[in-house]
Amino acid sequence: MRSALHRAGYRFRLHRKGLPGRPDIVLPKYRTAVFVHGCFWHRHRNCRFAYTPKSRVAFWKEKFRSNIERDHRSARELRRLGWKAVTVWECEAEQSSKWLRRMPTAHGT
């Protein structure tokens, strides 16, 4: 992902601590925070990797619920601070054509 972003002309920082949710990649010029989420842990809808283990189901449901809630809270807080939050899912990380078009451009999208 990082090399695809760099080839596309983006300059970024990694794991900036001062931002909510500690984003994986930060594009300061565009005030954009990129989260690379694992499909299993963050429950990517309709993804084959987002299965629920058959044992300790109650534990896993609560764990997934709290992860999703934390993700939403981080995105809301970033928006409140004037940042854009972009999520790239584990299953699409290798296919830069899927997620690169969600990145901001110089025109402000």
C-alpha atoms as a PDB file:
ATOM      1  CA  MET A   1       0.000   0.000   0.000  1.00  0.00           C
ATOM      2  CA  ARG A   2       2.668   2.486   0.950  1.00  0.00           C
ATOM      3  CA  SER A   3       4.565   2.025  -2.309  1.00  0.00           C
ATOM      4  CA  ALA A   4       1.339   2.431  -4.328  1.00  0.00           C
ATOM      5  CA  LEU A   5       0.570   5.660  -2.465  1.00  0.00           C
ATOM      6  CA  HIS A   6       4.097   6.929  -3.030  1.00  0.00           C
ATOM      7  CA  ARG A   7       3.976   6.056  -6.764  1.00  0.00           C
ATOM      8  CA  ALA A   8       0.684   7.964  -6.983  1.00  0.00           C
ATOM      9  CA  GLY A   9       2.446  11.050  -5.603  1.00  0.00           C
ATOM     10  CA  TYR A  10       1.239  10.982  -2.008  1.00  0.00           C
ATOM     11  CA  ARG A  11       3.587  11.785   0.847  1.00  0.00           C
ATOM     12  CA  PHE A  12       2.595  10.450   4.218  1.00  0.00           C
ATOM     13  CA  ARG A  13       3.451   9.730   7.817  1.00  0.00           C
ATOM     14  CA  LEU A  14       2.917   6.456   9.648  1.00  0.00           C
ATOM     15  CA  HIS A  15       1.011   5.900  12.905  1.00  0.00           C
ATOM     16  CA  ARG A  16       0.681   9.522  13.973  1.00  0.00           C
ATOM     17  CA  LYS A  17       0.034   9.334  17.696  1.00  0.00           C
ATOM     18  CA  GLY A  18      -1.706  12.679  18.123  1.00  0.00           C
ATOM     19  CA  LEU A  19      -4.755  11.752  16.037  1.00  0.00           C
ATOM     20  CA  PRO A  20      -7.799   9.799  17.238  1.00  0.00           C
ATOM     21  CA  GLY A  21      -7.529   6.086  16.531  1.00  0.00           C
ATOM     22  CA  ARG A  22      -3.827   6.379  15.700  1.00  0.00           C
ATOM     23  CA  PRO A  23      -4.251   6.010  11.913  1.00  0.00           C
ATOM     24  CA  ASP A  24      -1.964   3.648  10.019  1.00  0.00           C
ATOM     25  CA  ILE A  25      -1.176   6.238   7.338  1.00  0.00           C
ATOM     26  CA  VAL A  26      -1.616  10.012   7.533  1.00  0.00           C
ATOM     27  CA  LEU A  27      -1.680  12.326   4.511  1.00  0.00           C
ATOM     28  CA  PRO A  28      -1.056  15.690   6.230  1.00  0.00           C
ATOM     29  CA  LYS A  29      -1.365  17.777   3.047  1.00  0.00           C
ATOM     30  CA  TYR A  30      -4.930  16.475   2.553  1.00  0.00           C
ATOM     31  CA  ARG A  31      -5.829  16.168   6.256  1.00  0.00           C
ATOM     32  CA  THR A  32      -6.684  12.533   5.614  1.00  0.00           C
ATOM     33  CA  ALA A  33      -6.212   9.593   7.962  1.00  0.00           C
ATOM     34  CA  VAL A  34      -6.078   6.101   6.458  1.00  0.00           C
ATOM     35  CA  PHE A  35      -6.971   3.061   8.534  1.00  0.00           C
ATOM     36  CA  VAL A  36      -5.976  -0.353   7.208  1.00  0.00           C
ATOM     37  CA  HIS A  37      -8.488  -2.679   8.840  1.00  0.00           C
ATOM     38  CA  GLY A  38      -8.284  -6.426   9.089  1.00  0.00           C
ATOM     39  CA  CYS A  39     -11.545  -7.886   7.770  1.00  0.00           C
ATOM     40  CA  PHE A  40     -11.806 -10.360  10.659  1.00  0.00           C
ATOM     41  CA  TRP A  41     -11.184  -7.903  13.503  1.00  0.00           C
ATOM     42  CA  HIS A  42     -13.155  -4.968  12.129  1.00  0.00           C
ATOM     43  CA  ARG A  43     -16.006  -6.976  10.519  1.00  0.00           C
ATOM     44  CA  HIS A  44     -15.855  -6.127   6.829  1.00  0.00           C
ATOM     45  CA  ARG A  45     -19.404  -6.731   5.611  1.00  0.00           C
ATOM     46  CA  ASN A  46     -19.950  -9.627   3.207  1.00  0.00           C
ATOM     47  CA  CYS A  47     -16.266 -10.560   3.323  1.00  0.00           C
ATOM     48  CA  ARG A  48     -15.226 -14.184   3.565  1.00  0.00           C
ATOM     49  CA  PHE A  49     -12.564 -13.228   6.117  1.00  0.00           C
ATOM     50  CA  ALA A  50     -15.119 -11.730   8.539  1.00  0.00           C
ATOM     51  CA  TYR A  51     -16.320 -15.018   9.979  1.00  0.00           C
ATOM     52  CA  THR A  52     -17.257 -15.572  13.614  1.00  0.00           C
ATOM     53  CA  PRO A  53     -15.422 -18.352  15.477  1.00  0.00           C
ATOM     54  CA  LYS A  54     -17.627 -21.205  16.626  1.00  0.00           C
ATOM     55  CA  SER A  55     -16.302 -21.253  20.197  1.00  0.00           C
ATOM     56  CA  ARG A  56     -16.757 -18.472  22.779  1.00  0.00           C
ATOM     57  CA  VAL A  57     -19.310 -16.785  20.519  1.00  0.00           C
ATOM     58  CA  ALA A  58     -20.436 -14.268  23.153  1.00  0.00           C
ATOM     59  CA  PHE A  59     -16.835 -13.164  23.737  1.00  0.00           C
ATOM     60  CA  TRP A  60     -16.208 -12.681  20.019  1.00  0.00           C
ATOM     61  CA  LYS A  61     -19.447 -10.787  19.420  1.00  0.00           C
ATOM     62  CA  GLU A  62     -18.582  -8.351  22.211  1.00  0.00           C
ATOM     63  CA  LYS A  63     -14.996  -8.009  20.972  1.00  0.00           C
ATOM     64  CA  PHE A  64     -16.157  -7.250  17.409  1.00  0.00           C
ATOM     65  CA  ARG A  65     -18.838  -4.841  18.653  1.00  0.00           C
ATOM     66  CA  SER A  66     -16.308  -2.868  20.689  1.00  0.00           C
ATOM     67  CA  ASN A  67     -13.865  -2.744  17.751  1.00  0.00           C
ATOM     68  CA  ILE A  68     -16.562  -1.395  15.433  1.00  0.00           C
ATOM     69  CA  GLU A  69     -17.702   1.136  18.023  1.00  0.00           C
ATOM     70  CA  ARG A  70     -14.120   2.346  18.525  1.00  0.00           C
ATOM     71  CA  ASP A  71     -13.660   2.652  14.725  1.00  0.00           C
ATOM     72  CA  HIS A  72     -16.801   4.802  14.434  1.00  0.00           C
ATOM     73  CA  ARG A  73     -15.771   6.928  17.397  1.00  0.00           C
ATOM     74  CA  SER A  74     -12.310   7.556  15.893  1.00  0.00           C
ATOM     75  CA  ALA A  75     -13.782   8.524  12.502  1.00  0.00           C
ATOM     76  CA  ARG A  76     -16.287  10.894  14.138  1.00  0.00           C
ATOM     77  CA  GLU A  77     -13.572  12.548  16.200  1.00  0.00           C
ATOM     78  CA  LEU A  78     -11.355  12.963  13.132  1.00  0.00           C
ATOM     79  CA  ARG A  79     -14.223  14.591  11.202  1.00  0.00           C
ATOM     80  CA  ARG A  80     -14.850  16.900  14.154  1.00  0.00           C
ATOM     81  CA  LEU A  81     -11.193  17.965  13.934  1.00  0.00           C
ATOM     82  CA  GLY A  82     -11.514  18.653  10.207  1.00  0.00           C
ATOM     83  CA  TRP A  83      -9.922  15.442   8.948  1.00  0.00           C
ATOM     84  CA  LYS A  84     -11.211  12.853   6.503  1.00  0.00           C
ATOM     85  CA  ALA A  85     -11.071   9.186   7.554  1.00  0.00           C
ATOM     86  CA  VAL A  86     -10.577   6.533   4.868  1.00  0.00           C
ATOM     87  CA  THR A  87     -10.771   2.797   5.528  1.00  0.00           C
ATOM     88  CA  VAL A  88      -8.875   0.320   3.398  1.00  0.00           C
ATOM     89  CA  TRP A  89      -9.838  -3.281   4.048  1.00  0.00           C
ATOM     90  CA  GLU A  90      -7.310  -6.099   4.281  1.00  0.00           C
ATOM     91  CA  CYS A  91      -8.946  -7.971   1.386  1.00  0.00           C
ATOM     92  CA  GLU A  92      -8.552  -5.010  -0.977  1.00  0.00           C
ATOM     93  CA  ALA A  93      -5.103  -3.788   0.086  1.00  0.00           C
ATOM     94  CA  GLU A  94      -3.327  -5.627  -2.740  1.00  0.00           C
ATOM     95  CA  GLN A  95      -5.657  -4.113  -5.363  1.00  0.00           C
ATOM     96  CA  SER A  96      -4.686  -0.451  -5.361  1.00  0.00           C
ATOM     97  CA  SER A  97      -7.282   0.324  -8.047  1.00  0.00           C
ATOM     98  CA  LYS A  98      -9.999  -0.389  -5.450  1.00  0.00           C
ATOM     99  CA  TRP A  99      -8.821   1.922  -2.707  1.00  0.00           C
ATOM    100  CA  LEU A 100      -6.694   4.570  -4.464  1.00  0.00           C
ATOM    101  CA  ARG A 101      -9.761   6.283  -5.895  1.00  0.00           C
ATOM    102  CA  ARG A 102     -10.958   6.921  -2.314  1.00  0.00           C
ATOM    103  CA  MET A 103      -7.847   8.962  -1.615  1.00  0.00           C
ATOM    104  CA  PRO A 104      -8.130  12.756  -1.774  1.00  0.00           C
ATOM    105  CA  THR A 105      -6.948  14.709  -4.799  1.00  0.00           C
ATOM    106  CA  ALA A 106      -5.568  18.191  -5.187  1.00  0.00           C
ATOM    107  CA  HIS A 107      -9.098  19.295  -6.172  1.00  0.00           C
ATOM    108  CA  GLY A 108     -10.363  18.481  -2.699  1.00  0.00           C
ATOM    109  CA  THR A 109     -12.188  15.141  -3.152  1.00  0.00           C
END
